[in-house]
């Protein structure tokens, strides 16, 4: 529950007590497994975290990564959207997802990497807010990242802080670690991994400040600038604190 109280002054107008209202949310990774990277220069949602401490205004939603092999991509909303059918997906309406590994590059480019689910017709049928291009030969993967969701009383200005360690699977690469709010990249940090399995740390020093409204979704993703080698976040402490 949020901690709530009031400011009190004595007869000399001196502050004698300060009560603080606090909203916060956090996610953690401990001894994480590899995050598969299917395409260079494309954001990939993180599905390796668990909920940390949460105030009553925040909730944690576990991520899901699904192979789309065998799925059919078809036109929807007069071509303004894409319907994907034939694979059990585990997604919900309004989810923000990343697509990767698709042979139709327009579905998984750096500039169009984040999509929103606009409809769920069944456990094997969902639609994204991306104009239909074609039915690709290689369908790739869809991922809803582990995420924190703001409740009705959680709106305000927040600082995000992150401290983590990670490594690259095979060869050197520069990896970007990003924080998204809904479909927008709010902050990122680059980390150059010179050698395979070379653990290195990264953090958002002093944090990044941004606003949050009720129902906003905040989540974490990784991007490999150089190749499709997997990235492992070994340990991570990631949190939001209301200012």
C-alpha atoms as a PDB file:
ATOM      1  CA  UNK A   1       0.000   0.000   0.000  1.00  0.00           C
ATOM      2  CA  UNK A   2       1.197   3.568  -0.567  1.00  0.00           C
ATOM      3  CA  UNK A   3       2.616   5.278   2.506  1.00  0.00           C
ATOM      4  CA  UNK A   4       0.489   8.358   3.194  1.00  0.00           C
ATOM      5  CA  UNK A   5       0.607  11.080   5.839  1.00  0.00           C
ATOM      6  CA  UNK A   6       0.667  14.841   6.366  1.00  0.00           C
ATOM      7  CA  UNK A   7       3.112  17.638   7.122  1.00  0.00           C
ATOM      8  CA  UNK A   8       2.921  19.033  10.692  1.00  0.00           C
ATOM      9  CA  UNK A   9       4.315  22.263  12.159  1.00  0.00           C
ATOM     10  CA  UNK A  10       4.686  23.373  15.758  1.00  0.00           C
ATOM     11  CA  UNK A  11       3.694  26.782  17.236  1.00  0.00           C
ATOM     12  CA  UNK A  12       6.926  28.282  15.886  1.00  0.00           C
ATOM     13  CA  UNK A  13       6.058  27.149  12.379  1.00  0.00           C
ATOM     14  CA  UNK A  14       8.831  24.562  12.478  1.00  0.00           C
ATOM     15  CA  UNK A  15       8.456  21.327  10.539  1.00  0.00           C
ATOM     16  CA  UNK A  16       8.033  18.462  13.003  1.00  0.00           C
ATOM     17  CA  UNK A  17       6.874  15.649  10.763  1.00  0.00           C
ATOM     18  CA  UNK A  18       6.788  14.860   7.054  1.00  0.00           C
ATOM     19  CA  UNK A  19       4.576  12.106   5.711  1.00  0.00           C
ATOM     20  CA  UNK A  20       5.327  10.766   2.264  1.00  0.00           C
ATOM     21  CA  UNK A  21       3.041   9.262  -0.347  1.00  0.00           C
ATOM     22  CA  UNK A  22       4.939   6.721  -2.404  1.00  0.00           C
ATOM     23  CA  UNK A  23       4.150   4.780  -5.560  1.00  0.00           C
ATOM     24  CA  UNK A  24       6.693   2.360  -6.955  1.00  0.00           C
ATOM     25  CA  UNK A  25       7.130  -0.756  -9.044  1.00  0.00           C
ATOM     26  CA  UNK A  26      10.070  -3.038  -9.733  1.00  0.00           C
ATOM     27  CA  UNK A  27      11.192  -6.075 -11.720  1.00  0.00           C
ATOM     28  CA  UNK A  28      14.203  -8.292 -11.114  1.00  0.00           C
ATOM     29  CA  UNK A  29      16.237 -10.880 -12.996  1.00  0.00           C
ATOM     30  CA  UNK A  30      18.413 -13.361 -11.107  1.00  0.00           C
ATOM     31  CA  UNK A  31      20.727 -15.700 -13.037  1.00  0.00           C
ATOM     32  CA  UNK A  32      18.837 -14.991 -16.225  1.00  0.00           C
ATOM     33  CA  UNK A  33      18.759 -17.115 -19.361  1.00  0.00           C
ATOM     34  CA  UNK A  34      19.551 -15.907 -22.874  1.00  0.00           C
ATOM     35  CA  UNK A  35      17.170 -13.523 -24.610  1.00  0.00           C
ATOM     36  CA  UNK A  36      16.979 -14.838 -28.189  1.00  0.00           C
ATOM     37  CA  UNK A  37      17.947 -12.273 -30.816  1.00  0.00           C
ATOM     38  CA  UNK A  38      16.354 -13.139 -34.157  1.00  0.00           C
ATOM     39  CA  UNK A  39      17.207  -9.976 -36.103  1.00  0.00           C
ATOM     40  CA  UNK A  40      19.936  -7.352 -35.761  1.00  0.00           C
ATOM     41  CA  UNK A  41      18.823  -3.756 -35.134  1.00  0.00           C
ATOM     42  CA  UNK A  42      15.385  -4.821 -33.867  1.00  0.00           C
ATOM     43  CA  UNK A  43      14.078  -4.498 -30.312  1.00  0.00           C
ATOM     44  CA  UNK A  44      13.340  -7.813 -28.596  1.00  0.00           C
ATOM     45  CA  UNK A  45      11.122  -7.916 -25.507  1.00  0.00           C
ATOM     46  CA  UNK A  46      12.577  -9.287 -22.281  1.00  0.00           C
ATOM     47  CA  UNK A  47      10.728 -12.293 -20.806  1.00  0.00           C
ATOM     48  CA  UNK A  48      13.148 -13.268 -18.057  1.00  0.00           C
ATOM     49  CA  UNK A  49      12.024 -11.021 -15.172  1.00  0.00           C
ATOM     50  CA  UNK A  50       9.818 -11.575 -12.150  1.00  0.00           C
ATOM     51  CA  UNK A  51       7.921  -9.035 -10.071  1.00  0.00           C
ATOM     52  CA  UNK A  52       9.855  -7.166  -7.419  1.00  0.00           C
ATOM     53  CA  UNK A  53       8.245  -4.941  -4.816  1.00  0.00           C
ATOM     54  CA  UNK A  54       5.056  -3.228  -6.009  1.00  0.00           C
ATOM     55  CA  UNK A  55       2.934  -0.543  -4.390  1.00  0.00           C
ATOM     56  CA  UNK A  56      -0.828  -0.913  -4.691  1.00  0.00           C
ATOM     57  CA  UNK A  57      -0.887   1.317  -7.787  1.00  0.00           C
ATOM     58  CA  UNK A  58       1.228  -1.022  -9.916  1.00  0.00           C
ATOM     59  CA  UNK A  59       0.865  -4.569 -11.224  1.00  0.00           C
ATOM     60  CA  UNK A  60       3.252  -6.964 -12.958  1.00  0.00           C
ATOM     61  CA  UNK A  61       2.310  -8.863 -16.131  1.00  0.00           C
ATOM     62  CA  UNK A  62       4.502 -11.761 -17.203  1.00  0.00           C
ATOM     63  CA  UNK A  63       5.827 -11.694 -20.748  1.00  0.00           C
ATOM     64  CA  UNK A  64       5.294 -14.301 -23.434  1.00  0.00           C
ATOM     65  CA  UNK A  65       7.376 -15.134 -26.524  1.00  0.00           C
ATOM     66  CA  UNK A  66       5.719 -17.185 -29.257  1.00  0.00           C
ATOM     67  CA  UNK A  67       7.097 -18.721 -32.442  1.00  0.00           C
ATOM     68  CA  UNK A  68       4.832 -17.789 -35.350  1.00  0.00           C
ATOM     69  CA  UNK A  69       5.958 -20.671 -37.600  1.00  0.00           C
ATOM     70  CA  UNK A  70       2.949 -21.811 -39.620  1.00  0.00           C
ATOM     71  CA  UNK A  71       0.880 -18.716 -38.868  1.00  0.00           C
ATOM     72  CA  UNK A  72      -0.923 -16.841 -41.624  1.00  0.00           C
ATOM     73  CA  UNK A  73      -0.599 -13.050 -42.041  1.00  0.00           C
ATOM     74  CA  UNK A  74      -3.652 -11.458 -43.692  1.00  0.00           C
ATOM     75  CA  UNK A  75      -5.097  -8.016 -44.307  1.00  0.00           C
ATOM     76  CA  UNK A  76      -7.443  -6.466 -41.747  1.00  0.00           C
ATOM     77  CA  UNK A  77      -9.205  -3.086 -41.414  1.00  0.00           C
ATOM     78  CA  UNK A  78      -9.042  -2.508 -45.178  1.00  0.00           C
ATOM     79  CA  UNK A  79      -5.295  -3.060 -45.170  1.00  0.00           C
ATOM     80  CA  UNK A  80      -4.545  -0.733 -42.256  1.00  0.00           C
ATOM     81  CA  UNK A  81      -3.822  -3.652 -39.899  1.00  0.00           C
ATOM     82  CA  UNK A  82      -2.455  -7.193 -40.027  1.00  0.00           C
ATOM     83  CA  UNK A  83      -4.270 -10.254 -38.724  1.00  0.00           C
ATOM     84  CA  UNK A  84      -2.144 -13.226 -37.637  1.00  0.00           C
ATOM     85  CA  UNK A  85      -3.823 -16.608 -37.221  1.00  0.00           C
ATOM     86  CA  UNK A  86      -2.956 -20.237 -36.635  1.00  0.00           C
ATOM     87  CA  UNK A  87      -0.671 -20.142 -33.551  1.00  0.00           C
ATOM     88  CA  UNK A  88      -1.584 -20.043 -29.845  1.00  0.00           C
ATOM     89  CA  UNK A  89      -0.294 -16.611 -28.825  1.00  0.00           C
ATOM     90  CA  UNK A  90      -1.198 -15.795 -25.187  1.00  0.00           C
ATOM     91  CA  UNK A  91      -1.730 -12.104 -25.994  1.00  0.00           C
ATOM     92  CA  UNK A  92      -4.434  -9.628 -24.965  1.00  0.00           C
ATOM     93  CA  UNK A  93      -6.002  -6.558 -26.570  1.00  0.00           C
ATOM     94  CA  UNK A  94      -3.810  -3.433 -26.118  1.00  0.00           C
ATOM     95  CA  UNK A  95      -0.626  -5.456 -25.503  1.00  0.00           C
ATOM     96  CA  UNK A  96       2.546  -3.899 -26.910  1.00  0.00           C
ATOM     97  CA  UNK A  97       4.611  -6.500 -28.749  1.00  0.00           C
ATOM     98  CA  UNK A  98       7.800  -6.842 -30.745  1.00  0.00           C
ATOM     99  CA  UNK A  99       8.137  -8.841 -33.958  1.00  0.00           C
ATOM    100  CA  UNK A 100      11.466 -10.339 -35.011  1.00  0.00           C
ATOM    101  CA  UNK A 101      12.893 -12.944 -37.369  1.00  0.00           C
ATOM    102  CA  UNK A 102      10.235 -12.305 -40.025  1.00  0.00           C
ATOM    103  CA  UNK A 103      11.343 -12.612 -43.658  1.00  0.00           C
ATOM    104  CA  UNK A 104       9.185  -9.564 -44.484  1.00  0.00           C
ATOM    105  CA  UNK A 105      11.454  -6.877 -43.073  1.00  0.00           C
ATOM    106  CA  UNK A 106       8.650  -4.334 -42.811  1.00  0.00           C
ATOM    107  CA  UNK A 107       7.244  -6.236 -39.839  1.00  0.00           C
ATOM    108  CA  UNK A 108      10.519  -6.186 -37.887  1.00  0.00           C
ATOM    109  CA  UNK A 109      12.553  -3.097 -38.713  1.00  0.00           C
ATOM    110  CA  UNK A 110      14.174  -0.709 -36.274  1.00  0.00           C
ATOM    111  CA  UNK A 111      11.555   1.949 -36.995  1.00  0.00           C
ATOM    112  CA  UNK A 112       8.504  -0.342 -36.851  1.00  0.00           C
ATOM    113  CA  UNK A 113       9.622  -2.813 -34.230  1.00  0.00           C
ATOM    114  CA  UNK A 114       6.863  -2.149 -31.660  1.00  0.00           C
ATOM    115  CA  UNK A 115       3.258  -3.004 -32.470  1.00  0.00           C
ATOM    116  CA  UNK A 116       0.023  -2.939 -30.474  1.00  0.00           C
ATOM    117  CA  UNK A 117      -2.564  -5.703 -30.397  1.00  0.00           C
ATOM    118  CA  UNK A 118      -5.880  -4.203 -31.484  1.00  0.00           C
ATOM    119  CA  UNK A 119      -8.044  -7.356 -31.466  1.00  0.00           C
ATOM    120  CA  UNK A 120      -7.974 -10.934 -30.227  1.00  0.00           C
ATOM    121  CA  UNK A 121     -10.425 -13.135 -32.062  1.00  0.00           C
ATOM    122  CA  UNK A 122      -9.430 -16.376 -30.358  1.00  0.00           C
ATOM    123  CA  UNK A 123      -6.424 -18.002 -28.630  1.00  0.00           C
ATOM    124  CA  UNK A 124      -4.958 -18.481 -32.132  1.00  0.00           C
ATOM    125  CA  UNK A 125      -6.022 -15.201 -33.742  1.00  0.00           C
ATOM    126  CA  UNK A 126      -4.799 -11.651 -33.073  1.00  0.00           C
ATOM    127  CA  UNK A 127      -4.498  -8.377 -34.989  1.00  0.00           C
ATOM    128  CA  UNK A 128      -1.781  -5.712 -34.796  1.00  0.00           C
ATOM    129  CA  UNK A 129      -1.935  -2.004 -35.684  1.00  0.00           C
ATOM    130  CA  UNK A 130       0.470  -2.381 -38.607  1.00  0.00           C
ATOM    131  CA  UNK A 131      -0.482  -2.089 -42.265  1.00  0.00           C
ATOM    132  CA  UNK A 132      -0.609  -5.450 -44.031  1.00  0.00           C
ATOM    133  CA  UNK A 133       2.410  -6.113 -46.266  1.00  0.00           C
ATOM    134  CA  UNK A 134       2.264  -9.791 -47.208  1.00  0.00           C
ATOM    135  CA  UNK A 135       2.151 -13.323 -45.812  1.00  0.00           C
ATOM    136  CA  UNK A 136       5.851 -13.991 -45.140  1.00  0.00           C
ATOM    137  CA  UNK A 137       7.601 -17.264 -45.845  1.00  0.00           C
ATOM    138  CA  UNK A 138       9.368 -17.101 -42.477  1.00  0.00           C
ATOM    139  CA  UNK A 139       6.973 -15.815 -39.851  1.00  0.00           C
ATOM    140  CA  UNK A 140       9.420 -15.178 -36.982  1.00  0.00           C
ATOM    141  CA  UNK A 141       8.402 -14.482 -33.383  1.00  0.00           C
ATOM    142  CA  UNK A 142       6.040 -12.240 -31.424  1.00  0.00           C
ATOM    143  CA  UNK A 143       6.904 -11.154 -27.882  1.00  0.00           C
ATOM    144  CA  UNK A 144       5.083  -9.309 -25.128  1.00  0.00           C
ATOM    145  CA  UNK A 145       7.771  -8.243 -22.671  1.00  0.00           C
ATOM    146  CA  UNK A 146       7.523  -8.592 -18.903  1.00  0.00           C
ATOM    147  CA  UNK A 147       5.858  -5.338 -17.904  1.00  0.00           C
ATOM    148  CA  UNK A 148       4.631  -3.059 -15.169  1.00  0.00           C
ATOM    149  CA  UNK A 149       1.136  -1.593 -15.572  1.00  0.00           C
ATOM    150  CA  UNK A 150       0.044   1.622 -13.855  1.00  0.00           C
ATOM    151  CA  UNK A 151      -3.236   1.544 -11.943  1.00  0.00           C
ATOM    152  CA  UNK A 152      -5.816   4.319 -11.659  1.00  0.00           C
ATOM    153  CA  UNK A 153      -3.995   6.041  -8.785  1.00  0.00           C
ATOM    154  CA  UNK A 154      -0.437   5.612 -10.060  1.00  0.00           C
ATOM    155  CA  UNK A 155      -0.241   8.534 -12.481  1.00  0.00           C
ATOM    156  CA  UNK A 156       2.498  11.124 -12.014  1.00  0.00           C
ATOM    157  CA  UNK A 157       6.170  11.821 -12.615  1.00  0.00           C
ATOM    158  CA  UNK A 158       8.556   8.926 -12.121  1.00  0.00           C
ATOM    159  CA  UNK A 159      12.259   8.220 -12.115  1.00  0.00           C
ATOM    160  CA  UNK A 160      13.420   4.925 -13.589  1.00  0.00           C
ATOM    161  CA  UNK A 161      16.566   3.293 -12.258  1.00  0.00           C
ATOM    162  CA  UNK A 162      18.297   0.173 -13.487  1.00  0.00           C
ATOM    163  CA  UNK A 163      21.421  -1.737 -12.569  1.00  0.00           C
ATOM    164  CA  UNK A 164      22.247  -4.945 -14.425  1.00  0.00           C
ATOM    165  CA  UNK A 165      24.912  -7.233 -15.810  1.00  0.00           C
ATOM    166  CA  UNK A 166      24.883  -9.058 -19.110  1.00  0.00           C
ATOM    167  CA  UNK A 167      26.836 -10.892 -21.793  1.00  0.00           C
ATOM    168  CA  UNK A 168      26.787 -11.705 -25.511  1.00  0.00           C
ATOM    169  CA  UNK A 169      26.551 -15.304 -26.710  1.00  0.00           C
ATOM    170  CA  UNK A 170      29.150 -15.731 -29.449  1.00  0.00           C
ATOM    171  CA  UNK A 171      31.062 -12.664 -30.614  1.00  0.00           C
ATOM    172  CA  UNK A 172      31.520  -9.017 -29.807  1.00  0.00           C
ATOM    173  CA  UNK A 173      28.593  -6.667 -30.328  1.00  0.00           C
ATOM    174  CA  UNK A 174      27.075  -3.453 -29.057  1.00  0.00           C
ATOM    175  CA  UNK A 175      23.790  -4.053 -27.273  1.00  0.00           C
ATOM    176  CA  UNK A 176      21.180  -1.434 -26.419  1.00  0.00           C
ATOM    177  CA  UNK A 177      19.041  -1.848 -23.302  1.00  0.00           C
ATOM    178  CA  UNK A 178      15.835   0.174 -23.579  1.00  0.00           C
ATOM    179  CA  UNK A 179      12.920   1.222 -21.388  1.00  0.00           C
ATOM    180  CA  UNK A 180       9.600   1.692 -23.191  1.00  0.00           C
ATOM    181  CA  UNK A 181       6.401   3.346 -22.051  1.00  0.00           C
ATOM    182  CA  UNK A 182       3.618   1.931 -24.183  1.00  0.00           C
ATOM    183  CA  UNK A 183       5.060   2.052 -27.711  1.00  0.00           C
ATOM    184  CA  UNK A 184       7.625   4.806 -27.075  1.00  0.00           C
ATOM    185  CA  UNK A 185      11.304   4.375 -26.204  1.00  0.00           C
ATOM    186  CA  UNK A 186      11.868   6.539 -23.112  1.00  0.00           C
ATOM    187  CA  UNK A 187      15.502   5.744 -22.279  1.00  0.00           C
ATOM    188  CA  UNK A 188      18.324   3.464 -23.391  1.00  0.00           C
ATOM    189  CA  UNK A 189      21.943   2.635 -22.689  1.00  0.00           C
ATOM    190  CA  UNK A 190      24.506   0.986 -24.974  1.00  0.00           C
ATOM    191  CA  UNK A 191      27.000  -1.649 -23.813  1.00  0.00           C
ATOM    192  CA  UNK A 192      29.860  -2.939 -25.989  1.00  0.00           C
ATOM    193  CA  UNK A 193      30.635  -6.606 -25.328  1.00  0.00           C
ATOM    194  CA  UNK A 194      34.067  -7.211 -26.816  1.00  0.00           C
ATOM    195  CA  UNK A 195      34.247 -10.960 -26.274  1.00  0.00           C
ATOM    196  CA  UNK A 196      31.849 -13.870 -26.102  1.00  0.00           C
ATOM    197  CA  UNK A 197      30.501 -14.515 -22.601  1.00  0.00           C
ATOM    198  CA  UNK A 198      32.239 -11.339 -21.391  1.00  0.00           C
ATOM    199  CA  UNK A 199      30.076 -10.151 -18.496  1.00  0.00           C
ATOM    200  CA  UNK A 200      29.658  -6.399 -18.228  1.00  0.00           C
ATOM    201  CA  UNK A 201      27.491  -4.083 -16.194  1.00  0.00           C
ATOM    202  CA  UNK A 202      25.257  -1.225 -17.265  1.00  0.00           C
ATOM    203  CA  UNK A 203      22.964   1.159 -15.461  1.00  0.00           C
ATOM    204  CA  UNK A 204      20.836   4.268 -15.794  1.00  0.00           C
ATOM    205  CA  UNK A 205      22.995   6.533 -13.690  1.00  0.00           C
ATOM    206  CA  UNK A 206      20.732   8.883 -11.665  1.00  0.00           C
ATOM    207  CA  UNK A 207      17.781   7.517 -13.617  1.00  0.00           C
ATOM    208  CA  UNK A 208      15.522   9.003 -16.271  1.00  0.00           C
ATOM    209  CA  UNK A 209      12.415  11.048 -15.432  1.00  0.00           C
ATOM    210  CA  UNK A 210       9.168  10.721 -17.371  1.00  0.00           C
ATOM    211  CA  UNK A 211       5.424  10.970 -16.806  1.00  0.00           C
ATOM    212  CA  UNK A 212       3.076   8.040 -16.351  1.00  0.00           C
ATOM    213  CA  UNK A 213      -0.720   7.955 -16.656  1.00  0.00           C
ATOM    214  CA  UNK A 214      -3.203   5.335 -15.537  1.00  0.00           C
ATOM    215  CA  UNK A 215      -3.077   2.164 -17.681  1.00  0.00           C
ATOM    216  CA  UNK A 216       0.374   3.011 -19.085  1.00  0.00           C
ATOM    217  CA  UNK A 217       2.635   0.007 -19.652  1.00  0.00           C
ATOM    218  CA  UNK A 218       6.369   0.211 -18.890  1.00  0.00           C
ATOM    219  CA  UNK A 219       8.672  -2.531 -20.139  1.00  0.00           C
ATOM    220  CA  UNK A 220      12.253  -3.446 -21.062  1.00  0.00           C
ATOM    221  CA  UNK A 221      13.769  -4.628 -24.361  1.00  0.00           C
ATOM    222  CA  UNK A 222      17.189  -5.361 -25.868  1.00  0.00           C
ATOM    223  CA  UNK A 223      18.609  -4.617 -29.319  1.00  0.00           C
ATOM    224  CA  UNK A 224      21.801  -6.020 -30.861  1.00  0.00           C
ATOM    225  CA  UNK A 225      23.318  -3.426 -33.204  1.00  0.00           C
ATOM    226  CA  UNK A 226      25.683  -5.805 -34.987  1.00  0.00           C
ATOM    227  CA  UNK A 227      24.370  -9.341 -35.349  1.00  0.00           C
ATOM    228  CA  UNK A 228      21.751 -11.883 -34.255  1.00  0.00           C
ATOM    229  CA  UNK A 229      23.700 -13.315 -31.352  1.00  0.00           C
ATOM    230  CA  UNK A 230      21.697 -13.839 -28.170  1.00  0.00           C
ATOM    231  CA  UNK A 231      21.988 -11.524 -25.170  1.00  0.00           C
ATOM    232  CA  UNK A 232      21.862 -12.672 -21.560  1.00  0.00           C
ATOM    233  CA  UNK A 233      20.914 -10.369 -18.706  1.00  0.00           C
ATOM    234  CA  UNK A 234      22.447 -12.210 -15.789  1.00  0.00           C
ATOM    235  CA  UNK A 235      21.089 -10.081 -12.952  1.00  0.00           C
ATOM    236  CA  UNK A 236      18.948  -6.950 -12.997  1.00  0.00           C
ATOM    237  CA  UNK A 237      17.287  -4.628 -10.508  1.00  0.00           C
ATOM    238  CA  UNK A 238      14.884  -2.315 -12.309  1.00  0.00           C
ATOM    239  CA  UNK A 239      12.504   0.074 -10.621  1.00  0.00           C
ATOM    240  CA  UNK A 240      10.167   3.065 -10.985  1.00  0.00           C
ATOM    241  CA  UNK A 241       9.702   5.596  -8.166  1.00  0.00           C
ATOM    242  CA  UNK A 242       7.150   8.392  -8.095  1.00  0.00           C
ATOM    243  CA  UNK A 243       8.639  11.820  -7.429  1.00  0.00           C
END
